[in-house]
Protein backbone atom coordinates (compact mmCIF):
# COMPACT_ATOMS: atom_id res chain seq x y z
CA UNK A 1 -47.99 57.80 -57.35
CA UNK A 2 -44.84 56.50 -55.90
CA UNK A 3 -44.88 55.51 -52.26
CA UNK A 4 -42.53 57.00 -49.68
CA UNK A 5 -39.89 54.52 -48.58
CA UNK A 6 -38.93 55.54 -45.05
CA UNK A 7 -41.43 53.50 -43.22
CA UNK A 8 -40.48 50.17 -41.47
CA UNK A 9 -42.38 46.93 -42.02
CA UNK A 10 -45.88 46.97 -40.67
CA UNK A 11 -46.89 44.70 -40.38
CA UNK A 12 -59.42 22.98 -39.74
CA UNK A 13 -56.69 21.35 -36.90
CA UNK A 14 -52.79 20.65 -36.29
CA UNK A 15 -49.40 18.37 -35.50
CA UNK A 16 -45.86 19.24 -34.61
CA UNK A 17 -43.59 17.57 -37.20
CA UNK A 18 -40.40 17.92 -39.14
CA UNK A 19 -40.05 21.31 -40.89
CA UNK A 20 -40.81 21.08 -44.68
CA UNK A 21 -39.95 23.27 -47.71
CA UNK A 22 -41.38 23.78 -50.95
CA UNK A 23 -40.05 25.86 -53.95
CA UNK A 24 -41.94 28.59 -55.61
CA UNK A 25 -41.71 31.48 -58.12
CA UNK A 26 -39.29 33.49 -56.09
CA UNK A 27 -39.38 32.48 -52.33
CA UNK A 28 -38.87 29.22 -50.22
CA UNK A 29 -41.50 28.30 -47.63
CA UNK A 30 -40.92 26.44 -44.54
CA UNK A 31 -43.87 24.87 -42.52
CA UNK A 32 -43.27 25.64 -38.93
CA UNK A 33 -46.29 23.86 -37.65
CA UNK A 34 -48.99 21.79 -39.11
CA UNK A 35 -52.30 21.62 -37.08
CA UNK A 36 -53.71 18.12 -36.68
CA UNK A 37 -57.32 18.80 -35.60
CA UNK A 38 -57.21 18.10 -31.93
CA UNK A 39 -56.44 19.92 -28.74
CA UNK A 40 -53.87 21.99 -30.42
CA UNK A 41 -56.34 23.95 -32.54
CA UNK A 42 -57.51 24.22 -36.13
CA UNK A 43 -58.18 26.60 -38.97
CA UNK A 44 -56.14 29.73 -38.00
CA UNK A 45 -57.80 32.72 -39.69
CA UNK A 46 -55.55 35.53 -38.52
CA UNK A 47 -52.06 36.62 -38.60
CA UNK A 48 -49.33 36.28 -35.96
CA UNK A 49 -47.15 38.28 -33.60
CA UNK A 50 -43.57 37.59 -32.89
CA UNK A 51 -41.53 38.22 -29.79
CA UNK A 52 -37.97 39.31 -29.33
CA UNK A 53 -36.88 35.71 -28.77
CA UNK A 54 -38.46 34.71 -32.08
CA UNK A 55 -41.52 32.96 -30.53
CA UNK A 56 -44.84 33.25 -32.52
CA UNK A 57 -48.31 33.75 -31.01
CA UNK A 58 -51.79 33.46 -32.65
CA UNK A 59 -55.15 32.08 -32.56
CA UNK A 60 -57.11 29.22 -34.26
CA UNK A 61 -60.85 29.62 -34.91
CA UNK A 62 -61.62 26.08 -34.23
CA UNK A 63 -60.22 23.04 -32.33
CA UNK A 64 -58.99 22.82 -28.83
CA UNK A 65 -61.97 21.00 -27.49
CA UNK A 66 -65.35 19.40 -28.24
CA UNK A 67 -67.57 22.55 -28.06
CA UNK A 68 -69.10 24.42 -30.91
CA UNK A 69 -70.63 21.43 -32.64
CA UNK A 70 -67.78 19.20 -31.92
CA UNK A 71 -65.43 21.14 -33.94
CA UNK A 72 -63.87 22.93 -31.02
CA UNK A 73 -64.29 26.67 -30.20
CA UNK A 74 -60.74 27.76 -30.85
CA UNK A 75 -57.47 28.42 -29.20
CA UNK A 76 -54.60 30.97 -28.29
CA UNK A 77 -51.24 29.41 -29.04
CA UNK A 78 -47.61 29.99 -28.83
CA UNK A 79 -45.09 28.36 -31.17
CA UNK A 80 -41.63 28.28 -30.00
CA UNK A 81 -38.50 28.56 -32.09
CA UNK A 82 -37.95 24.85 -32.02
CA UNK A 83 -41.36 24.12 -33.37
CA UNK A 84 -43.11 23.34 -30.13
CA UNK A 85 -46.53 24.41 -29.82
CA UNK A 86 -48.22 25.34 -26.40
CA UNK A 87 -51.89 26.17 -26.19
CA UNK A 88 -52.27 29.17 -23.88
CA UNK A 89 -56.12 29.02 -23.69
CA UNK A 90 -58.91 26.77 -25.03
CA UNK A 91 -62.28 28.55 -25.70
CA UNK A 92 -65.30 26.54 -25.10
CA UNK A 93 -67.46 27.38 -21.96
CA UNK A 94 -69.29 30.14 -23.72
CA UNK A 95 -68.61 32.97 -21.17
CA UNK A 96 -64.98 33.01 -22.10
CA UNK A 97 -65.66 33.53 -25.91
CA UNK A 98 -65.85 31.39 -28.97
CA UNK A 99 -64.39 31.46 -32.45
CA UNK A 100 -61.51 33.99 -32.48
CA UNK A 101 -60.87 35.23 -35.95
CA UNK A 102 -58.59 37.98 -34.90
CA UNK A 103 -54.88 37.86 -34.14
CA UNK A 104 -53.34 39.18 -30.91
CA UNK A 105 -51.51 42.21 -29.49
CA UNK A 106 -49.14 42.43 -26.58
CA UNK A 107 -48.56 45.00 -23.95
CA UNK A 108 -45.22 45.94 -22.33
CA UNK A 109 -45.92 43.45 -19.47
CA UNK A 110 -46.32 40.48 -22.01
CA UNK A 111 -50.01 40.26 -21.60
CA UNK A 112 -52.01 39.18 -24.83
CA UNK A 113 -55.25 40.77 -25.95
CA UNK A 114 -57.57 39.56 -28.64
CA UNK A 115 -61.31 39.22 -29.63
CA UNK A 116 -63.68 36.23 -30.12
CA UNK A 117 -66.63 36.73 -32.53
CA UNK A 118 -69.05 34.74 -30.33
CA UNK A 119 -69.66 33.58 -26.81
CA UNK A 120 -69.59 35.78 -23.84
CA UNK A 121 -72.56 34.60 -21.84
CA UNK A 122 -74.93 37.32 -22.88
CA UNK A 123 -78.21 36.47 -24.48
CA UNK A 124 -76.92 37.15 -28.02
CA UNK A 125 -73.33 35.60 -27.50
CA UNK A 126 -72.05 38.52 -29.34
CA UNK A 127 -68.31 38.12 -28.61
CA UNK A 128 -65.85 39.26 -26.14
CA UNK A 129 -62.59 41.12 -25.66
CA UNK A 130 -60.09 38.93 -23.72
CA UNK A 131 -56.73 39.29 -22.02
CA UNK A 132 -54.33 36.32 -21.51
CA UNK A 133 -51.98 37.30 -18.60
CA UNK A 134 -48.29 36.48 -18.71
CA UNK A 135 -49.06 33.60 -16.44
CA UNK A 136 -51.68 32.19 -18.77
CA UNK A 137 -54.87 33.30 -17.04
CA UNK A 138 -57.85 34.52 -19.22
CA UNK A 139 -59.60 37.76 -18.29
CA UNK A 140 -62.69 38.92 -19.92
CA UNK A 141 -62.33 42.68 -20.33
CA UNK A 142 -65.75 43.13 -22.18
CA UNK A 143 -68.56 40.76 -23.10
CA UNK A 144 -70.69 42.51 -25.85
CA UNK A 145 -74.45 42.61 -25.31
CA UNK A 146 -75.51 43.39 -28.97
CA UNK A 147 -76.97 46.79 -27.74
CA UNK A 148 -75.25 50.14 -27.78
CA UNK A 149 -71.86 48.72 -26.86
CA UNK A 150 -71.46 46.75 -30.13
CA UNK A 151 -71.44 43.15 -31.29
CA UNK A 152 -69.18 40.48 -33.14
CA UNK A 153 -65.67 41.86 -33.02
CA UNK A 154 -63.67 40.25 -35.84
CA UNK A 155 -60.25 41.72 -36.23
CA UNK A 156 -57.10 42.82 -34.16
CA UNK A 157 -57.20 45.25 -31.35
CA UNK A 158 -54.77 48.32 -30.99
CA UNK A 159 -53.22 49.44 -27.72
CA UNK A 160 -51.74 52.92 -27.30
CA UNK A 161 -48.82 54.33 -25.03
CA UNK A 162 -51.49 55.05 -22.21
CA UNK A 163 -52.72 51.36 -22.10
CA UNK A 164 -56.12 52.08 -23.65
CA UNK A 165 -57.23 49.27 -26.02
CA UNK A 166 -59.17 50.13 -29.12
CA UNK A 167 -61.16 48.08 -31.56
CA UNK A 168 -64.27 47.75 -33.77
CA UNK A 169 -67.42 45.54 -33.54
CA UNK A 170 -69.31 44.71 -36.74
CA UNK A 171 -72.66 45.05 -35.34
CA UNK A 172 -74.60 46.58 -32.46
CA UNK A 173 -74.64 50.22 -31.77
CA UNK A 174 -77.89 52.35 -31.92
CA UNK A 175 -78.30 51.53 -35.59
CA UNK A 176 -77.02 47.94 -35.57
CA UNK A 177 -74.18 48.99 -37.92
CA UNK A 178 -71.19 48.58 -35.66
CA UNK A 179 -69.07 50.74 -33.42
CA UNK A 180 -65.54 51.81 -32.74
CA UNK A 181 -64.82 51.29 -28.96
CA UNK A 182 -62.08 51.99 -26.37
CA UNK A 183 -61.39 50.07 -23.24
CA UNK A 184 -59.57 51.13 -20.11
CA UNK A 185 -59.40 48.08 -17.97
CA UNK A 186 -62.90 46.64 -18.09
CA UNK A 187 -64.57 49.91 -18.76
CA UNK A 188 -65.86 50.29 -22.44
CA UNK A 189 -66.41 53.58 -24.20
CA UNK A 190 -68.04 53.84 -27.71
CA UNK A 191 -66.08 56.41 -29.52
CA UNK A 192 -68.12 56.19 -32.74
CA UNK A 193 -71.50 54.74 -33.55
CA UNK A 194 -72.00 54.02 -37.34
CA UNK A 195 -75.38 54.73 -38.85
CA UNK A 196 -75.15 52.42 -41.74
CA UNK A 197 -75.41 55.14 -44.25
CA UNK A 198 -72.85 57.51 -45.80
CA UNK A 199 -70.50 57.09 -42.76
CA UNK A 200 -70.06 53.35 -43.20
CA UNK A 201 -71.52 50.17 -42.13
CA UNK A 202 -69.89 46.95 -40.61
CA UNK A 203 -66.46 47.99 -39.38
CA UNK A 204 -64.79 44.70 -39.29
CA UNK A 205 -61.16 45.69 -39.44
CA UNK A 206 -58.43 46.71 -37.05
CA UNK A 207 -57.40 50.35 -36.28
CA UNK A 208 -54.10 52.10 -36.71
CA UNK A 209 -53.20 55.67 -35.25
CA UNK A 210 -51.20 58.60 -36.43
CA UNK A 211 -48.86 60.75 -34.22
CA UNK A 212 -51.84 62.96 -33.43
CA UNK A 213 -53.83 60.14 -32.08
CA UNK A 214 -56.35 59.90 -35.01
CA UNK A 215 -57.53 56.40 -35.88
CA UNK A 216 -57.93 55.00 -39.38
CA UNK A 217 -59.65 51.84 -40.66
CA UNK A 218 -62.34 50.66 -43.12
CA UNK A 219 -65.90 49.52 -43.14
CA UNK A 220 -67.09 46.66 -45.38
CA UNK A 221 -70.27 48.31 -46.29
CA UNK A 222 -71.98 51.74 -46.39
CA UNK A 223 -70.52 54.93 -47.94
CA UNK A 224 -71.59 54.89 -51.57
CA UNK A 225 -72.51 51.34 -51.37
CA UNK A 226 -69.38 49.15 -50.98
CA UNK A 227 -67.42 50.19 -48.01
CA UNK A 228 -65.25 53.12 -46.77
CA UNK A 229 -61.81 54.19 -45.51
CA UNK A 230 -62.46 56.54 -42.58
CA UNK A 231 -60.49 58.48 -39.98
CA UNK A 232 -61.71 59.11 -36.44
CA UNK A 233 -60.43 61.69 -34.05
CA UNK A 234 -60.09 60.81 -30.34
CA UNK A 235 -62.86 63.25 -29.69
CA UNK A 236 -65.22 60.93 -31.79
CA UNK A 237 -65.35 63.04 -35.16
CA UNK A 238 -65.53 60.57 -38.03
CA UNK A 239 -64.52 61.56 -41.70
CA UNK A 240 -64.96 59.28 -44.76
CA UNK A 241 -61.70 59.55 -46.54
CA UNK A 242 -62.87 57.42 -49.48
CA UNK A 243 -66.02 55.64 -50.32
CA UNK A 244 -65.83 52.64 -52.66
CA UNK A 245 -68.35 52.24 -55.55
CA UNK A 246 -67.42 48.90 -57.21
CA UNK A 247 -68.18 46.35 -54.63
CA UNK A 248 -64.64 46.33 -53.17
CA UNK A 249 -66.03 45.58 -49.76
CA UNK A 250 -62.77 45.93 -47.66
CA UNK A 251 -62.48 43.52 -44.78
CA UNK A 252 -59.16 44.43 -43.32
CA UNK A 253 -57.52 47.64 -42.09
CA UNK A 254 -54.84 49.89 -43.67
CA UNK A 255 -51.29 50.86 -43.07
CA UNK A 256 -49.94 54.34 -43.26
CA UNK A 257 -46.70 55.79 -44.34
CA UNK A 258 -44.94 59.00 -43.05
CA UNK A 259 -46.54 61.14 -45.72
CA UNK A 260 -49.88 60.10 -44.72
CA UNK A 261 -50.65 57.71 -47.73
CA UNK A 262 -52.85 54.69 -46.71
CA UNK A 263 -52.49 51.27 -48.26
CA UNK A 264 -54.87 48.31 -48.16
CA UNK A 265 -56.55 45.50 -50.09
CA UNK A 266 -60.04 44.53 -50.99
CA UNK A 267 -61.29 41.00 -51.80
CA UNK A 268 -63.50 42.21 -54.62
CA UNK A 269 -63.62 44.89 -57.15
CA UNK A 270 -60.88 46.26 -59.08
CA UNK A 271 -60.39 46.28 -62.93
CA UNK A 272 -61.04 42.47 -63.09
CA UNK A 273 -63.36 42.12 -60.07
CA UNK A 274 -60.97 39.74 -58.22
CA UNK A 275 -59.87 42.30 -55.70
CA UNK A 276 -57.27 44.94 -55.53
CA UNK A 277 -54.42 46.62 -53.74
CA UNK A 278 -54.87 50.32 -53.27
CA UNK A 279 -53.12 53.49 -52.13
CA UNK A 280 -55.14 56.32 -50.80
CA UNK A 281 -53.37 59.75 -50.80
CA UNK A 282 -53.94 62.49 -48.07
CA UNK A 283 -55.95 64.40 -50.79
CA UNK A 284 -58.35 61.67 -51.24
CA UNK A 285 -56.96 60.34 -54.54
CA UNK A 286 -57.02 56.68 -54.78
CA UNK A 287 -54.70 54.76 -56.93
CA UNK A 288 -55.20 50.99 -57.82
CA UNK A 289 -51.87 49.48 -57.53
CA UNK A 290 -52.84 45.99 -58.78
CA UNK A 291 -56.07 44.40 -59.70
CA UNK A 292 -56.51 40.73 -59.42
CA UNK A 293 -58.43 38.43 -61.77
CA UNK A 294 -61.75 37.17 -60.57
CA UNK A 295 -60.77 33.43 -60.95
CA UNK A 296 -57.67 31.21 -61.72
CA UNK A 297 -55.27 33.98 -61.72
CA UNK A 298 -51.68 32.83 -61.54
CA UNK A 299 -50.85 36.04 -59.40
CA UNK A 300 -53.72 35.18 -56.95
CA UNK A 301 -57.24 36.27 -56.46
CA UNK A 302 -59.37 37.58 -53.52
CA UNK A 303 -56.92 39.11 -51.16
CA UNK A 304 -58.85 38.87 -47.85
CA UNK A 305 -55.84 40.04 -45.68
CA UNK A 306 -54.31 43.47 -45.35
CA UNK A 307 -50.83 44.52 -46.51
CA UNK A 308 -47.49 45.03 -45.03
CA UNK A 309 -44.86 47.54 -46.37
CA UNK A 310 -40.98 47.09 -45.95
CA UNK A 311 -38.55 49.84 -45.63
CA UNK A 312 -38.00 49.99 -49.37
CA UNK A 313 -41.68 50.77 -50.13
CA UNK A 314 -42.58 47.24 -51.22
CA UNK A 315 -45.92 45.89 -50.36
CA UNK A 316 -46.45 42.27 -49.24
CA UNK A 317 -49.73 40.35 -48.83
CA UNK A 318 -51.69 37.19 -49.36
CA UNK A 319 -54.66 36.15 -51.64
CA UNK A 320 -56.99 33.55 -50.22
CA UNK A 321 -57.26 31.81 -53.72
CA UNK A 322 -55.66 31.72 -57.11
CA UNK A 323 -52.03 31.02 -57.94
CA UNK A 324 -50.85 27.64 -59.47
CA UNK A 325 -51.99 25.22 -56.83
CA UNK A 326 -54.21 22.65 -58.52
CA UNK A 327 -55.61 20.81 -55.52
CA UNK A 328 -57.97 23.68 -54.54
CA UNK A 329 -60.90 24.86 -56.49
CA UNK A 330 -59.82 28.16 -57.87
CA UNK A 331 -56.38 27.88 -56.63
CA UNK A 332 -54.89 27.61 -53.07
CA UNK A 333 -53.68 31.19 -52.70
CA UNK A 334 -50.50 33.26 -53.07
CA UNK A 335 -48.09 35.38 -51.27
CA UNK A 336 -47.25 38.53 -53.59
CA UNK A 337 -45.28 41.53 -53.60
CA UNK A 338 -45.92 44.89 -55.15
CA UNK A 339 -42.74 47.02 -55.79
CA UNK A 340 -42.61 50.58 -55.27
CA UNK A 341 -43.00 51.21 -59.06
CA UNK A 342 -46.23 49.17 -59.03
CA UNK A 343 -44.98 45.88 -60.48
CA UNK A 344 -46.59 42.77 -58.84
CA UNK A 345 -44.75 39.50 -58.57
CA UNK A 346 -45.80 36.28 -56.88
CA UNK A 347 -43.19 35.36 -54.06
CA UNK A 348 -45.01 31.91 -53.42
CA UNK A 349 -47.85 30.08 -54.70
CA UNK A 350 -49.48 27.64 -52.22
CA UNK A 351 -50.04 24.12 -53.67
CA UNK A 352 -52.68 22.97 -51.19
CA UNK A 353 -50.75 20.00 -49.77
CA UNK A 354 -48.49 19.93 -46.77
CA UNK A 355 -47.51 23.62 -47.61
CA UNK A 356 -50.91 24.72 -46.69
CA UNK A 357 -53.73 26.53 -48.55
CA UNK A 358 -56.03 29.54 -48.20
CA UNK A 359 -53.92 32.11 -46.30
CA UNK A 360 -56.42 34.60 -44.74
CA UNK A 361 -54.27 36.59 -42.15
CA UNK A 362 -51.97 39.63 -42.62
CA UNK A 363 -48.24 38.85 -42.76
CA UNK A 364 -45.55 39.91 -40.32
CA UNK A 365 -41.78 40.12 -41.06
CA UNK A 366 -38.66 39.67 -39.00
CA UNK A 367 -35.45 41.82 -39.09
CA UNK A 368 -34.16 39.67 -41.67
CA UNK A 369 -37.06 40.16 -44.14
CA UNK A 370 -38.58 36.63 -43.61
CA UNK A 371 -42.37 36.65 -43.65
CA UNK A 372 -44.60 34.61 -41.22
CA UNK A 373 -48.41 33.78 -41.55
CA UNK A 374 -50.85 31.15 -41.36
CA UNK A 375 -53.03 29.17 -43.76
CA UNK A 376 -56.75 28.29 -42.91
CA UNK A 377 -56.42 24.68 -44.42
CA UNK A 378 -53.81 22.42 -45.80
CA UNK A 379 -50.73 21.03 -44.03
CA UNK A 380 -50.00 17.50 -43.11
CA UNK A 381 -53.63 16.95 -41.58
CA UNK A 382 -55.42 19.46 -43.60
CA UNK A 383 -56.26 21.84 -40.73
CA UNK A 384 -54.02 24.54 -41.46
CA UNK A 385 -50.38 25.75 -40.92
CA UNK A 386 -47.95 28.38 -39.68
CA UNK A 387 -45.40 29.08 -42.19
CA UNK A 388 -42.19 31.23 -42.86
CA UNK A 389 -41.45 32.40 -46.43
CA UNK A 390 -37.99 33.70 -47.45
CA UNK A 391 -38.49 36.01 -50.53
């Protein structure tokens, strides 16, 4: 099945240093920032957002302070176009959240929103939804209790035109199998409560919406056994669009084109058990666009992150492992492209040195087609990087 081509691009610690470049199969990488393991943060596990001026914003899952066993509880950071990093918030007191593994979103007033998987001050320390105002103040919008309201959010939020904030929590709910929630200000409403059965279990991915306001995402478990792709109406009616049967266990969300086709990646399953990139048509037909080998594949293995699509219908993403890097067991990860005709090519293969290793976050692109992301480790101090790759 050929994809439509009229959709635009969708999209542990560090040190500021001179920009560096490394050659690859097809692309050139520039390290924009290398974490050094102190107050600046460490181990970024999510993607980035880009403002009109070219500044990047993201989170680190560790670093920033001395909490969380001495490794630090994470940061929110800004990276200016000249390579200067500014820490906008340091997690650590507990009530403000700990260990953010999601990226950020921004509203029209330049407020930033995100989630932290732990902290919050409740008995379970089940995580928070936070807002960083334009003047740098953190506001906790919701601290999860682990009850009906959910627990342990792991991925990006979504904000609609009315200012409602939407997200998923992997646990909690009446069955302990996670929820989809909505926030208006500090008021939370659970839109759907997963049972852990055929409807899915462990929704750990971000949401997207169509023009009618219907939501789409994935669950890591449930369904037939191994995760689902689902839709959810604003009225709370859930439909399983596809139930995986081969241990795919998707951990990131999907992107959608104008024809209603959904695209995503799974870290497991596929023909060779090393993960796959898939297309799901509106009629429920799933096409495996590419299957990765389970280990040591030059094209990569274990794509934890989601995919982005450009205007020509090409998909871009990262694999956490595989590639030609020899300094990491099983390879250091890749940035790959899948053309509209289904051909896969490696744009960049991380070597595990100063160029970084183990990219987990979904990519974003600028208007010139350059891709930006993070690596969880590697860099000049071994604690991760922010990178740009020119295809």
